[in-house]
C-alpha cells in the first residue's frame, strides 16, 4: 500500500463521520466554554462582585451600563449553552453567542482573534446547518413535520 493509497483510505473513513456527530461537537464544546465563563460571573444565585468589577474596569463596553452588561452576559452564558446542548432553538442560540463573540473580539480582547475565530466557526456552522439529527430541534421537526 502506497502512502497515497493509505491517505485515500483514511480520508474515506473520516468522510463517514456522521454530520450529526460534527454538529453535536460544534454545539457541546463552545457551550461548555461559555457555561464555564458564566459560572465565573456568579456568587451563588447572584452576580459576583468580581464580575461587576470586570465590566466596570476592564471590559468597558460602549453604550451599555456595566451592571446591565454583566447581568446580561451572565444570563446569556447560562441560557444559550443549555439550549445548544439540548439542540433547541439552536440557530438562535448560536447567533446570540456569535454576537457575544463579536462583542468580545471587538471591544474586550481584540488580540484573541484566533480563539474567537474557532468559536465563530462553530456558531456559523450551526447557524448554516442547524443542530443536526441528534437534537431537540430535529426531534420536533420530525414530530411536527417542519424543517
Protein backbone atom coordinates (compact mmCIF):
# COMPACT_ATOMS: atom_id res chain seq x y z
CA UNK A 1 0.00 0.00 0.00
CA UNK A 2 1.44 3.33 -1.00
CA UNK A 3 1.30 6.40 1.16
CA UNK A 4 -1.22 7.98 -1.21
CA UNK A 5 -3.48 4.92 -1.06
CA UNK A 6 -3.27 4.97 2.73
CA UNK A 7 -4.25 8.63 2.80
CA UNK A 8 -7.12 7.96 0.42
CA UNK A 9 -8.42 5.17 2.68
CA UNK A 10 -8.05 7.36 5.77
CA UNK A 11 -9.89 10.22 4.06
CA UNK A 12 -12.69 7.86 3.03
CA UNK A 13 -13.08 6.64 6.62
CA UNK A 14 -13.08 10.18 8.00
CA UNK A 15 -15.71 11.19 5.43
CA UNK A 16 -18.04 8.66 7.07
CA UNK A 17 -18.15 10.63 10.32
CA UNK A 18 -21.85 11.49 10.64
CA UNK A 19 -22.78 15.15 10.23
CA UNK A 20 -24.84 14.76 13.40
CA UNK A 21 -21.66 14.00 15.35
CA UNK A 22 -19.84 17.03 13.95
CA UNK A 23 -22.80 19.31 14.69
CA UNK A 24 -23.08 17.86 18.20
CA UNK A 25 -19.41 18.71 18.79
CA UNK A 26 -19.98 22.21 17.40
CA UNK A 27 -22.79 22.59 19.96
CA UNK A 28 -21.18 20.98 23.02
CA UNK A 29 -17.67 22.39 23.14
CA UNK A 30 -18.46 26.10 22.75
CA UNK A 31 -21.45 25.61 25.08
CA UNK A 32 -19.13 24.23 27.77
CA UNK A 33 -16.77 27.15 27.35
CA UNK A 34 -19.50 29.79 27.63
CA UNK A 35 -21.15 27.93 30.54
CA UNK A 36 -17.84 27.93 32.45
CA UNK A 37 -17.44 31.63 31.76
CA UNK A 38 -20.95 32.26 33.04
CA UNK A 39 -20.24 30.31 36.22
CA UNK A 40 -17.23 32.54 36.97
CA UNK A 41 -19.56 35.55 36.99
CA UNK A 42 -21.78 34.14 39.72
CA UNK A 43 -21.65 34.01 43.51
CA UNK A 44 -24.40 31.55 44.27
CA UNK A 45 -27.55 32.87 42.60
CA UNK A 46 -26.31 36.42 42.18
CA UNK A 47 -23.74 38.23 40.08
CA UNK A 48 -20.35 38.26 41.77
CA UNK A 49 -18.67 41.49 42.77
CA UNK A 50 -15.67 40.45 40.68
CA UNK A 51 -17.81 40.17 37.54
CA UNK A 52 -19.22 43.61 38.08
CA UNK A 53 -15.72 44.98 38.66
CA UNK A 54 -14.51 43.45 35.38
CA UNK A 55 -17.34 45.04 33.42
CA UNK A 56 -16.72 48.41 35.08
CA UNK A 57 -12.92 48.50 34.86
CA UNK A 58 -11.62 46.07 32.25
CA UNK A 59 -14.30 45.34 29.65
CA UNK A 60 -15.80 48.84 29.39
CA UNK A 61 -18.33 48.16 26.68
CA UNK A 62 -19.63 51.25 24.88
CA UNK A 63 -23.28 52.29 25.06
CA UNK A 64 -24.31 49.97 27.89
CA UNK A 65 -24.18 50.31 31.66
CA UNK A 66 -21.59 47.90 33.13
CA UNK A 67 -24.07 46.42 35.62
CA UNK A 68 -26.60 45.75 32.87
CA UNK A 69 -23.91 44.26 30.61
CA UNK A 70 -22.63 42.00 33.40
CA UNK A 71 -26.11 40.69 34.18
CA UNK A 72 -26.95 40.15 30.50
CA UNK A 73 -23.66 38.36 29.88
CA UNK A 74 -24.17 36.07 32.87
CA UNK A 75 -27.72 35.26 31.74
CA UNK A 76 -26.66 34.63 28.13
CA UNK A 77 -23.71 32.47 29.17
CA UNK A 78 -26.08 30.22 31.11
CA UNK A 79 -29.17 30.18 28.89
CA UNK A 80 -27.73 29.78 25.39
CA UNK A 81 -25.26 26.99 26.26
CA UNK A 82 -28.12 24.99 27.80
CA UNK A 83 -30.15 25.46 24.63
CA UNK A 84 -27.17 24.43 22.48
CA UNK A 85 -26.55 21.26 24.49
CA UNK A 86 -30.21 20.29 24.09
CA UNK A 87 -30.16 21.30 20.44
CA UNK A 88 -33.20 23.51 20.99
CA UNK A 89 -33.51 26.89 19.24
CA UNK A 90 -30.01 26.13 18.01
CA UNK A 91 -29.73 28.72 15.26
CA UNK A 92 -31.00 31.48 17.56
CA UNK A 93 -28.67 30.39 20.38
CA UNK A 94 -25.68 30.18 18.04
CA UNK A 95 -26.49 33.63 16.65
CA UNK A 96 -26.69 35.06 20.18
CA UNK A 97 -23.32 33.56 21.14
CA UNK A 98 -21.79 34.62 17.82
CA UNK A 99 -22.91 38.18 18.63
CA UNK A 100 -21.34 37.90 22.09
CA UNK A 101 -18.16 36.58 20.48
CA UNK A 102 -18.07 39.57 18.11
CA UNK A 103 -18.51 42.00 21.02
CA UNK A 104 -15.74 40.28 22.97
CA UNK A 105 -13.49 40.36 19.89
CA UNK A 106 -14.16 43.99 19.01
CA UNK A 107 -14.32 45.63 22.43
CA UNK A 108 -12.71 43.40 25.04
CA UNK A 109 -9.94 41.12 23.73
CA UNK A 110 -9.11 42.06 20.12
CA UNK A 111 -5.81 40.15 20.21
CA UNK A 112 -7.64 36.87 20.87
CA UNK A 113 -8.92 36.60 17.30
CA UNK A 114 -7.67 33.01 16.77
CA UNK A 115 -9.72 31.76 19.72
CA UNK A 116 -12.74 33.83 18.74
CA UNK A 117 -12.40 32.60 15.17
CA UNK A 118 -12.73 28.99 16.34
CA UNK A 119 -15.85 29.87 18.34
CA UNK A 120 -17.29 31.82 15.41
CA UNK A 121 -16.68 28.89 13.06
CA UNK A 122 -18.71 26.58 15.30
CA UNK A 123 -21.52 29.10 15.60
CA UNK A 124 -21.58 29.81 11.85
CA UNK A 125 -21.75 26.08 11.15
CA UNK A 126 -24.74 25.76 13.49
CA UNK A 127 -26.45 28.81 12.01
CA UNK A 128 -25.96 27.45 8.48
CA UNK A 129 -26.73 23.76 9.11
CA UNK A 130 -28.82 23.69 12.28
CA UNK A 131 -28.36 21.37 15.23
CA UNK A 132 -28.26 18.12 13.30
CA UNK A 133 -30.34 14.98 13.73
CA UNK A 134 -29.21 14.40 17.33
CA UNK A 135 -31.14 17.37 18.76
CA UNK A 136 -34.49 18.52 20.08
CA UNK A 137 -34.81 20.75 17.02
CA UNK A 138 -34.67 17.68 14.77
CA UNK A 139 -37.00 15.65 17.02
CA UNK A 140 -39.55 18.47 16.99
CA UNK A 141 -39.23 18.83 13.22
CA UNK A 142 -39.82 15.08 12.79
CA UNK A 143 -42.78 15.18 15.17
CA UNK A 144 -44.46 18.23 13.71
CA UNK A 145 -43.33 17.91 10.11
CA UNK A 146 -41.29 21.12 9.98
CA UNK A 147 -37.75 21.68 8.90
